[in-house]
């Protein structure tokens, strides 16, 4: 899959809550409790397995989850990253 241009990345980000950090897109969620945060992590893990594209997952505090998505094989951002981000948005 081809790397996206800066313009394409900006277009995707303009209509989402994800932010760019270097060669990745990131987003953070805050949940009411630890159990809800972990439930979200498990839903993300299942969706990521289904498409064989896996985000970096950080659970911090007791109710926060931070995800980072990039395409390591391509060395940057691709359509697959934004597709996964969109799937994840629907899981929260």
C-alpha atoms as a PDB file:
ATOM      1  CA  UNK A   1       0.000   0.000   0.000  1.00  0.00           C
ATOM      2  CA  UNK A   2       1.350   3.420  -0.933  1.00  0.00           C
ATOM      3  CA  UNK A   3       2.266   6.107   1.556  1.00  0.00           C
ATOM      4  CA  UNK A   4      -0.114   9.044   1.696  1.00  0.00           C
ATOM      5  CA  UNK A   5       0.981  12.550   0.810  1.00  0.00           C
ATOM      6  CA  UNK A   6       0.890  15.273   3.444  1.00  0.00           C
ATOM      7  CA  UNK A   7      -2.154  16.728   1.694  1.00  0.00           C
ATOM      8  CA  UNK A   8      -3.991  13.396   1.819  1.00  0.00           C
ATOM      9  CA  UNK A   9      -3.138  12.983   5.504  1.00  0.00           C
ATOM     10  CA  UNK A  10      -4.399  16.492   6.275  1.00  0.00           C
ATOM     11  CA  UNK A  11      -7.637  15.745   4.408  1.00  0.00           C
ATOM     12  CA  UNK A  12      -8.235  12.629   6.516  1.00  0.00           C
ATOM     13  CA  UNK A  13      -7.396  14.392   9.766  1.00  0.00           C
ATOM     14  CA  UNK A  14      -9.693  17.338   9.015  1.00  0.00           C
ATOM     15  CA  UNK A  15     -12.698  15.077   9.481  1.00  0.00           C
ATOM     16  CA  UNK A  16     -11.558  13.099  12.515  1.00  0.00           C
ATOM     17  CA  UNK A  17     -10.443  13.443  16.113  1.00  0.00           C
ATOM     18  CA  UNK A  18      -7.099  11.800  15.412  1.00  0.00           C
ATOM     19  CA  UNK A  19      -3.907  13.876  15.460  1.00  0.00           C
ATOM     20  CA  UNK A  20      -0.659  13.375  13.620  1.00  0.00           C
ATOM     21  CA  UNK A  21       2.523  12.671  15.568  1.00  0.00           C
ATOM     22  CA  UNK A  22       5.428  12.066  13.223  1.00  0.00           C
ATOM     23  CA  UNK A  23       4.674   9.033  11.069  1.00  0.00           C
ATOM     24  CA  UNK A  24       1.637   8.020  13.137  1.00  0.00           C
ATOM     25  CA  UNK A  25      -1.856   9.142  14.006  1.00  0.00           C
ATOM     26  CA  UNK A  26      -2.890   9.130  17.669  1.00  0.00           C
ATOM     27  CA  UNK A  27      -6.026   9.517  19.708  1.00  0.00           C
ATOM     28  CA  UNK A  28      -6.871   9.239  23.384  1.00  0.00           C
ATOM     29  CA  UNK A  29     -10.075   8.212  25.131  1.00  0.00           C
ATOM     30  CA  UNK A  30     -11.173   8.636  28.737  1.00  0.00           C
ATOM     31  CA  UNK A  31     -13.617   6.140  30.220  1.00  0.00           C
ATOM     32  CA  UNK A  32     -15.658   6.079  33.400  1.00  0.00           C
ATOM     33  CA  UNK A  33     -13.612   3.259  34.910  1.00  0.00           C
ATOM     34  CA  UNK A  34     -10.873   0.718  34.308  1.00  0.00           C
ATOM     35  CA  UNK A  35     -13.286  -2.011  33.210  1.00  0.00           C
ATOM     36  CA  UNK A  36     -14.699   0.189  30.429  1.00  0.00           C
ATOM     37  CA  UNK A  37     -11.203   1.126  29.297  1.00  0.00           C
ATOM     38  CA  UNK A  38     -10.199  -2.533  29.106  1.00  0.00           C
ATOM     39  CA  UNK A  39     -13.425  -3.463  27.323  1.00  0.00           C
ATOM     40  CA  UNK A  40     -12.546  -0.881  24.669  1.00  0.00           C
ATOM     41  CA  UNK A  41      -9.001  -2.255  24.391  1.00  0.00           C
ATOM     42  CA  UNK A  42     -10.391  -5.750  23.843  1.00  0.00           C
ATOM     43  CA  UNK A  43     -12.773  -4.520  21.129  1.00  0.00           C
ATOM     44  CA  UNK A  44      -9.881  -2.729  19.420  1.00  0.00           C
ATOM     45  CA  UNK A  45      -7.759  -5.882  19.611  1.00  0.00           C
ATOM     46  CA  UNK A  46     -10.482  -7.966  17.955  1.00  0.00           C
ATOM     47  CA  UNK A  47     -11.016  -5.436  15.162  1.00  0.00           C
ATOM     48  CA  UNK A  48      -7.261  -5.115  14.589  1.00  0.00           C
ATOM     49  CA  UNK A  49      -6.889  -8.885  14.346  1.00  0.00           C
ATOM     50  CA  UNK A  50      -9.716  -9.036  11.801  1.00  0.00           C
ATOM     51  CA  UNK A  51      -7.860  -6.666   9.457  1.00  0.00           C
ATOM     52  CA  UNK A  52      -4.319  -7.751  10.460  1.00  0.00           C
ATOM     53  CA  UNK A  53      -3.310  -4.170  11.276  1.00  0.00           C
ATOM     54  CA  UNK A  54      -2.403  -3.497  14.889  1.00  0.00           C
ATOM     55  CA  UNK A  55      -2.181  -0.179  16.761  1.00  0.00           C
ATOM     56  CA  UNK A  56       0.129   0.517  19.651  1.00  0.00           C
ATOM     57  CA  UNK A  57      -2.053   0.560  22.768  1.00  0.00           C
ATOM     58  CA  UNK A  58      -1.272   2.410  25.980  1.00  0.00           C
ATOM     59  CA  UNK A  59      -3.518   2.077  29.021  1.00  0.00           C
ATOM     60  CA  UNK A  60      -2.599   4.745  31.539  1.00  0.00           C
ATOM     61  CA  UNK A  61      -4.060   6.192  34.638  1.00  0.00           C
ATOM     62  CA  UNK A  62      -6.925   3.953  35.498  1.00  0.00           C
ATOM     63  CA  UNK A  63      -9.308   4.952  32.746  1.00  0.00           C
ATOM     64  CA  UNK A  64      -7.382   6.296  29.764  1.00  0.00           C
ATOM     65  CA  UNK A  65      -6.456   4.591  26.519  1.00  0.00           C
ATOM     66  CA  UNK A  66      -4.106   6.068  23.925  1.00  0.00           C
ATOM     67  CA  UNK A  67      -3.804   4.483  20.496  1.00  0.00           C
ATOM     68  CA  UNK A  68      -1.127   5.088  17.903  1.00  0.00           C
ATOM     69  CA  UNK A  69      -1.545   3.840  14.335  1.00  0.00           C
ATOM     70  CA  UNK A  70       1.056   3.697  11.590  1.00  0.00           C
ATOM     71  CA  UNK A  71       2.133   1.310   8.880  1.00  0.00           C
ATOM     72  CA  UNK A  72       5.541   0.045   9.985  1.00  0.00           C
ATOM     73  CA  UNK A  73       6.007  -1.997   6.809  1.00  0.00           C
ATOM     74  CA  UNK A  74       5.552   1.104   4.639  1.00  0.00           C
ATOM     75  CA  UNK A  75       7.340   3.495   6.977  1.00  0.00           C
ATOM     76  CA  UNK A  76       4.489   5.977   7.387  1.00  0.00           C
ATOM     77  CA  UNK A  77       0.773   6.526   6.954  1.00  0.00           C
ATOM     78  CA  UNK A  78      -1.405   4.731   4.412  1.00  0.00           C
ATOM     79  CA  UNK A  79      -5.115   4.387   3.697  1.00  0.00           C
ATOM     80  CA  UNK A  80      -5.089   1.262   5.895  1.00  0.00           C
ATOM     81  CA  UNK A  81      -4.207   3.403   8.915  1.00  0.00           C
ATOM     82  CA  UNK A  82      -7.154   5.715   8.412  1.00  0.00           C
ATOM     83  CA  UNK A  83      -9.433   2.786   7.689  1.00  0.00           C
ATOM     84  CA  UNK A  84      -8.423   1.204  11.006  1.00  0.00           C
ATOM     85  CA  UNK A  85      -8.857   4.542  12.793  1.00  0.00           C
ATOM     86  CA  UNK A  86     -12.390   4.801  11.431  1.00  0.00           C
ATOM     87  CA  UNK A  87     -13.194   1.278  12.614  1.00  0.00           C
ATOM     88  CA  UNK A  88     -11.823   2.095  16.067  1.00  0.00           C
ATOM     89  CA  UNK A  89     -13.906   5.289  16.265  1.00  0.00           C
ATOM     90  CA  UNK A  90     -16.993   3.125  15.979  1.00  0.00           C
ATOM     91  CA  UNK A  91     -15.947   0.972  18.940  1.00  0.00           C
ATOM     92  CA  UNK A  92     -15.766   3.594  21.687  1.00  0.00           C
END
